[in-house]
């Protein structure tokens, strides 16, 4: 695996307090330079029932897995999807690339 998972509540609180935000059409991305590449995903109940939320989480993790090797250095990242009618891997991957390129994180 290319990255670890953010799981602890303290890690999420620190990221929300100190992390930098960037926006794209389908995502809000919070990031902070770190020693290891780590990913956290926040999907609220506004997005639907648990089956739909879990699918969104899987799509976000896969999009990050594809983009992760192209990052210039290691970061802790939290991905927050925006509400939409339909969610797709291509849309998440494209939005993630747009946001990270705009911040100068991607090569």
N, C-alpha and C. Protein backbone atom coordinates (compact mmCIF):
# COMPACT_ATOMS: atom_id res chain seq x y z
N UNK A 1 0.84 -1.18 0.00
CA UNK A 1 0.00 0.00 0.00
C UNK A 1 0.89 1.25 0.00
N UNK A 2 0.52 2.23 -0.77
CA UNK A 2 1.31 3.44 -0.92
C UNK A 2 1.10 4.44 0.21
N UNK A 3 0.04 4.29 0.96
CA UNK A 3 -0.28 5.26 2.00
C UNK A 3 -0.92 4.57 3.19
N UNK A 4 -0.89 5.25 4.35
CA UNK A 4 -1.56 4.77 5.55
C UNK A 4 -2.90 5.49 5.67
N UNK A 5 -3.72 5.06 6.60
CA UNK A 5 -5.03 5.68 6.78
C UNK A 5 -5.04 6.57 8.01
N UNK A 6 -5.69 7.70 7.91
CA UNK A 6 -5.97 8.54 9.07
C UNK A 6 -7.18 7.95 9.77
N UNK A 7 -7.04 7.60 11.03
CA UNK A 7 -8.16 6.96 11.73
C UNK A 7 -8.53 7.65 13.04
N UNK A 8 -7.54 8.22 13.72
CA UNK A 8 -7.77 8.76 15.06
C UNK A 8 -8.44 10.13 14.99
N UNK A 9 -9.32 10.36 15.95
CA UNK A 9 -10.05 11.61 16.01
C UNK A 9 -9.10 12.80 16.18
N UNK A 10 -8.03 12.62 16.95
CA UNK A 10 -7.07 13.71 17.14
C UNK A 10 -6.40 14.10 15.83
N UNK A 11 -6.10 13.10 14.99
CA UNK A 11 -5.49 13.39 13.69
C UNK A 11 -6.44 14.21 12.82
N UNK A 12 -7.72 13.84 12.81
CA UNK A 12 -8.71 14.58 12.02
C UNK A 12 -8.87 16.01 12.56
N UNK A 13 -8.92 16.16 13.89
CA UNK A 13 -9.06 17.50 14.47
C UNK A 13 -7.87 18.38 14.11
N UNK A 14 -6.66 17.82 14.17
CA UNK A 14 -5.47 18.59 13.83
C UNK A 14 -5.50 19.01 12.36
N UNK A 15 -5.93 18.09 11.50
CA UNK A 15 -6.00 18.41 10.08
C UNK A 15 -7.02 19.52 9.80
N UNK A 16 -8.18 19.45 10.46
CA UNK A 16 -9.20 20.47 10.24
C UNK A 16 -8.76 21.82 10.80
N UNK A 17 -7.97 21.81 11.88
CA UNK A 17 -7.52 23.06 12.49
C UNK A 17 -6.35 23.68 11.73
N UNK A 18 -5.36 22.87 11.33
CA UNK A 18 -4.12 23.40 10.77
C UNK A 18 -3.95 23.18 9.27
N UNK A 19 -4.72 22.26 8.72
CA UNK A 19 -4.53 21.89 7.32
C UNK A 19 -4.93 22.99 6.35
N UNK A 20 -4.30 22.98 5.19
CA UNK A 20 -4.64 23.91 4.13
C UNK A 20 -5.73 23.29 3.26
N UNK A 21 -6.65 24.13 2.78
CA UNK A 21 -7.76 23.64 1.98
C UNK A 21 -7.58 24.03 0.52
N UNK A 22 -8.00 23.14 -0.35
CA UNK A 22 -8.11 23.51 -1.76
C UNK A 22 -9.41 22.89 -2.28
N UNK A 23 -9.98 23.54 -3.26
CA UNK A 23 -11.30 23.17 -3.75
C UNK A 23 -11.24 22.79 -5.22
N UNK A 24 -12.14 21.88 -5.60
CA UNK A 24 -12.29 21.48 -6.99
C UNK A 24 -13.78 21.22 -7.22
N UNK A 25 -14.17 20.92 -8.44
CA UNK A 25 -15.61 20.75 -8.72
C UNK A 25 -16.31 19.69 -7.86
N UNK A 26 -15.64 18.59 -7.56
CA UNK A 26 -16.31 17.51 -6.84
C UNK A 26 -15.77 17.27 -5.44
N UNK A 27 -14.67 17.95 -5.05
CA UNK A 27 -14.01 17.64 -3.78
C UNK A 27 -13.54 18.89 -3.03
N UNK A 28 -13.42 18.71 -1.72
CA UNK A 28 -12.67 19.63 -0.88
C UNK A 28 -11.49 18.80 -0.37
N UNK A 29 -10.29 19.32 -0.51
CA UNK A 29 -9.08 18.59 -0.11
C UNK A 29 -8.38 19.38 0.98
N UNK A 30 -8.15 18.73 2.13
CA UNK A 30 -7.34 19.30 3.19
C UNK A 30 -6.02 18.57 3.18
N UNK A 31 -4.91 19.31 3.29
CA UNK A 31 -3.60 18.66 3.27
C UNK A 31 -2.65 19.35 4.21
N UNK A 32 -1.65 18.59 4.65
CA UNK A 32 -0.64 19.07 5.56
C UNK A 32 0.62 18.25 5.31
N UNK A 33 1.79 18.86 5.16
CA UNK A 33 3.01 18.07 4.98
C UNK A 33 3.21 17.12 6.16
N UNK A 34 3.70 15.91 5.88
CA UNK A 34 3.85 14.89 6.92
C UNK A 34 5.04 13.99 6.62
N UNK A 35 5.37 13.14 7.58
CA UNK A 35 6.46 12.18 7.41
C UNK A 35 6.05 11.03 6.51
N UNK A 36 4.81 10.61 6.62
CA UNK A 36 4.29 9.51 5.82
C UNK A 36 3.06 9.96 5.05
N UNK A 37 2.82 9.32 3.91
CA UNK A 37 1.62 9.60 3.13
C UNK A 37 0.43 8.97 3.86
N UNK A 38 -0.58 9.80 4.19
CA UNK A 38 -1.75 9.30 4.89
C UNK A 38 -3.02 9.89 4.28
N UNK A 39 -4.10 9.12 4.32
CA UNK A 39 -5.37 9.54 3.74
C UNK A 39 -6.49 9.33 4.73
N UNK A 40 -7.35 10.34 4.81
CA UNK A 40 -8.59 10.25 5.56
C UNK A 40 -9.73 10.64 4.65
N UNK A 41 -10.90 10.06 4.89
CA UNK A 41 -12.07 10.35 4.06
C UNK A 41 -13.23 10.72 4.98
N UNK A 42 -13.91 11.83 4.68
CA UNK A 42 -15.09 12.26 5.44
C UNK A 42 -16.28 12.32 4.50
N UNK A 43 -17.26 11.46 4.74
CA UNK A 43 -18.48 11.46 3.94
C UNK A 43 -19.65 11.56 4.92
N UNK A 44 -20.39 12.67 4.85
CA UNK A 44 -21.47 12.90 5.80
C UNK A 44 -22.73 12.15 5.40
N UNK A 45 -23.69 12.15 6.31
CA UNK A 45 -24.96 11.46 6.06
C UNK A 45 -25.81 12.18 5.02
N UNK A 46 -25.41 13.39 4.65
CA UNK A 46 -26.13 14.11 3.59
C UNK A 46 -26.02 13.37 2.25
N UNK A 47 -24.98 12.55 2.11
CA UNK A 47 -24.73 11.86 0.84
C UNK A 47 -25.61 10.63 0.64
N UNK A 48 -26.31 10.20 1.66
CA UNK A 48 -27.19 9.06 1.50
C UNK A 48 -26.99 8.03 2.59
N UNK A 49 -27.56 6.87 2.35
CA UNK A 49 -27.47 5.79 3.33
C UNK A 49 -26.10 5.15 3.29
N UNK A 50 -25.84 4.22 4.19
CA UNK A 50 -24.50 3.68 4.39
C UNK A 50 -23.94 3.00 3.14
N UNK A 51 -24.77 2.36 2.36
CA UNK A 51 -24.28 1.69 1.16
C UNK A 51 -23.69 2.71 0.18
N UNK A 52 -24.38 3.81 0.00
CA UNK A 52 -23.92 4.86 -0.91
C UNK A 52 -22.68 5.55 -0.35
N UNK A 53 -22.67 5.83 0.96
CA UNK A 53 -21.50 6.46 1.58
C UNK A 53 -20.26 5.58 1.47
N UNK A 54 -20.42 4.29 1.68
CA UNK A 54 -19.29 3.37 1.58
C UNK A 54 -18.77 3.28 0.14
N UNK A 55 -19.65 3.35 -0.84
CA UNK A 55 -19.21 3.33 -2.23
C UNK A 55 -18.41 4.59 -2.55
N UNK A 56 -18.87 5.73 -2.04
CA UNK A 56 -18.15 6.99 -2.24
C UNK A 56 -16.75 6.90 -1.63
N UNK A 57 -16.66 6.31 -0.44
CA UNK A 57 -15.35 6.15 0.22
C UNK A 57 -14.43 5.27 -0.61
N UNK A 58 -14.95 4.19 -1.15
CA UNK A 58 -14.12 3.30 -1.99
C UNK A 58 -13.63 4.04 -3.23
N UNK A 59 -14.51 4.82 -3.85
CA UNK A 59 -14.12 5.58 -5.04
C UNK A 59 -13.04 6.62 -4.70
N UNK A 60 -13.18 7.29 -3.56
CA UNK A 60 -12.20 8.29 -3.16
C UNK A 60 -10.84 7.66 -2.88
N UNK A 61 -10.84 6.53 -2.20
CA UNK A 61 -9.57 5.84 -1.91
C UNK A 61 -8.89 5.39 -3.19
N UNK A 62 -9.65 4.89 -4.15
CA UNK A 62 -9.08 4.45 -5.42
C UNK A 62 -8.53 5.64 -6.21
N UNK A 63 -9.25 6.74 -6.23
CA UNK A 63 -8.77 7.94 -6.93
C UNK A 63 -7.47 8.42 -6.31
N UNK A 64 -7.39 8.43 -4.98
CA UNK A 64 -6.17 8.85 -4.32
C UNK A 64 -5.02 7.88 -4.60
N UNK A 65 -5.31 6.59 -4.65
CA UNK A 65 -4.29 5.58 -4.93
C UNK A 65 -3.65 5.82 -6.31
N UNK A 66 -4.47 6.24 -7.27
CA UNK A 66 -3.95 6.50 -8.62
C UNK A 66 -3.13 7.77 -8.69
N UNK A 67 -3.48 8.78 -7.92
CA UNK A 67 -2.82 10.08 -7.96
C UNK A 67 -1.60 10.12 -7.03
N UNK A 68 -1.61 9.35 -5.98
CA UNK A 68 -0.59 9.37 -4.93
C UNK A 68 0.86 9.29 -5.44
N UNK A 69 1.22 8.40 -6.36
CA UNK A 69 2.62 8.31 -6.78
C UNK A 69 3.15 9.56 -7.48
N UNK A 70 2.28 10.43 -7.96
CA UNK A 70 2.71 11.62 -8.69
C UNK A 70 2.91 12.83 -7.78
N UNK A 71 2.67 12.68 -6.48
CA UNK A 71 2.84 13.80 -5.55
C UNK A 71 4.32 14.03 -5.29
N UNK A 72 4.70 15.31 -5.17
CA UNK A 72 6.10 15.69 -5.03
C UNK A 72 6.70 15.26 -3.70
N UNK A 73 5.94 15.34 -2.63
CA UNK A 73 6.42 14.91 -1.32
C UNK A 73 5.29 14.28 -0.55
N UNK A 74 5.51 13.95 0.72
CA UNK A 74 4.51 13.22 1.50
C UNK A 74 3.60 14.19 2.25
N UNK A 75 2.32 13.86 2.24
CA UNK A 75 1.30 14.69 2.88
C UNK A 75 0.29 13.81 3.61
N UNK A 76 -0.34 14.41 4.62
CA UNK A 76 -1.56 13.87 5.19
C UNK A 76 -2.69 14.57 4.45
N UNK A 77 -3.66 13.80 3.95
CA UNK A 77 -4.72 14.35 3.11
C UNK A 77 -6.07 13.88 3.62
N UNK A 78 -7.03 14.78 3.64
CA UNK A 78 -8.42 14.43 3.91
C UNK A 78 -9.24 14.82 2.68
N UNK A 79 -10.05 13.90 2.19
CA UNK A 79 -10.91 14.15 1.04
C UNK A 79 -12.35 14.24 1.51
N UNK A 80 -13.03 15.31 1.10
CA UNK A 80 -14.44 15.51 1.44
C UNK A 80 -15.20 15.73 0.13
N UNK A 81 -16.10 14.81 -0.23
CA UNK A 81 -16.82 14.98 -1.49
C UNK A 81 -17.94 16.01 -1.37
N UNK A 82 -18.22 16.68 -2.47
CA UNK A 82 -19.38 17.58 -2.53
C UNK A 82 -20.58 16.77 -3.00
N UNK A 83 -21.76 17.21 -2.61
CA UNK A 83 -22.97 16.48 -3.00
C UNK A 83 -23.19 16.56 -4.50
N UNK A 84 -23.61 15.43 -5.07
CA UNK A 84 -23.90 15.35 -6.50
C UNK A 84 -24.95 14.28 -6.73
N UNK A 85 -25.52 14.29 -7.93
CA UNK A 85 -26.50 13.27 -8.28
C UNK A 85 -25.84 11.90 -8.42
N UNK A 86 -24.72 11.86 -9.12
CA UNK A 86 -24.00 10.60 -9.33
C UNK A 86 -22.53 10.82 -9.04
N UNK A 87 -21.88 9.77 -8.57
CA UNK A 87 -20.46 9.83 -8.25
C UNK A 87 -19.72 8.84 -9.13
N UNK A 88 -18.56 9.25 -9.64
CA UNK A 88 -17.79 8.33 -10.47
C UNK A 88 -16.31 8.47 -10.14
N UNK A 89 -15.58 7.41 -10.40
CA UNK A 89 -14.14 7.39 -10.17
C UNK A 89 -13.45 8.45 -11.02
N UNK A 90 -13.86 8.57 -12.28
CA UNK A 90 -13.23 9.53 -13.18
C UNK A 90 -13.41 10.97 -12.67
N UNK A 91 -14.61 11.29 -12.18
CA UNK A 91 -14.87 12.64 -11.68
C UNK A 91 -14.02 12.94 -10.45
N UNK A 92 -13.92 11.98 -9.53
CA UNK A 92 -13.11 12.18 -8.33
C UNK A 92 -11.64 12.31 -8.67
N UNK A 93 -11.15 11.47 -9.57
CA UNK A 93 -9.74 11.50 -9.94
C UNK A 93 -9.40 12.83 -10.63
N UNK A 94 -10.25 13.26 -11.54
CA UNK A 94 -10.03 14.52 -12.26
C UNK A 94 -10.05 15.70 -11.28
N UNK A 95 -11.01 15.72 -10.37
CA UNK A 95 -11.11 16.80 -9.39
C UNK A 95 -9.91 16.82 -8.45
N UNK A 96 -9.45 15.66 -8.06
CA UNK A 96 -8.29 15.57 -7.17
C UNK A 96 -7.05 16.09 -7.88
N UNK A 97 -6.87 15.72 -9.14
CA UNK A 97 -5.72 16.22 -9.91
C UNK A 97 -5.79 17.74 -10.08
N UNK A 98 -6.97 18.28 -10.36
CA UNK A 98 -7.14 19.72 -10.52
C UNK A 98 -6.75 20.45 -9.24
N UNK A 99 -7.27 19.98 -8.11
CA UNK A 99 -7.00 20.64 -6.83
C UNK A 99 -5.53 20.57 -6.45
N UNK A 100 -4.91 19.42 -6.61
CA UNK A 100 -3.51 19.27 -6.21
C UNK A 100 -2.56 19.99 -7.17
N UNK A 101 -2.89 20.03 -8.44
CA UNK A 101 -2.06 20.77 -9.40
C UNK A 101 -2.12 22.27 -9.11
N UNK A 102 -3.29 22.74 -8.78
CA UNK A 102 -3.47 24.17 -8.47
C UNK A 102 -2.62 24.58 -7.26
N UNK A 103 -2.45 23.67 -6.30
CA UNK A 103 -1.65 23.95 -5.11
C UNK A 103 -0.17 23.65 -5.30
N UNK A 104 0.21 23.09 -6.45
CA UNK A 104 1.61 22.79 -6.71
C UNK A 104 2.11 21.52 -6.05
N UNK A 105 1.19 20.63 -5.69
CA UNK A 105 1.57 19.39 -5.02
C UNK A 105 1.88 18.29 -6.01
N UNK A 106 1.19 18.28 -7.14
CA UNK A 106 1.44 17.25 -8.16
C UNK A 106 2.57 17.67 -9.09
N UNK A 107 3.24 16.68 -9.63
CA UNK A 107 4.34 16.95 -10.58
C UNK A 107 3.78 17.33 -11.94
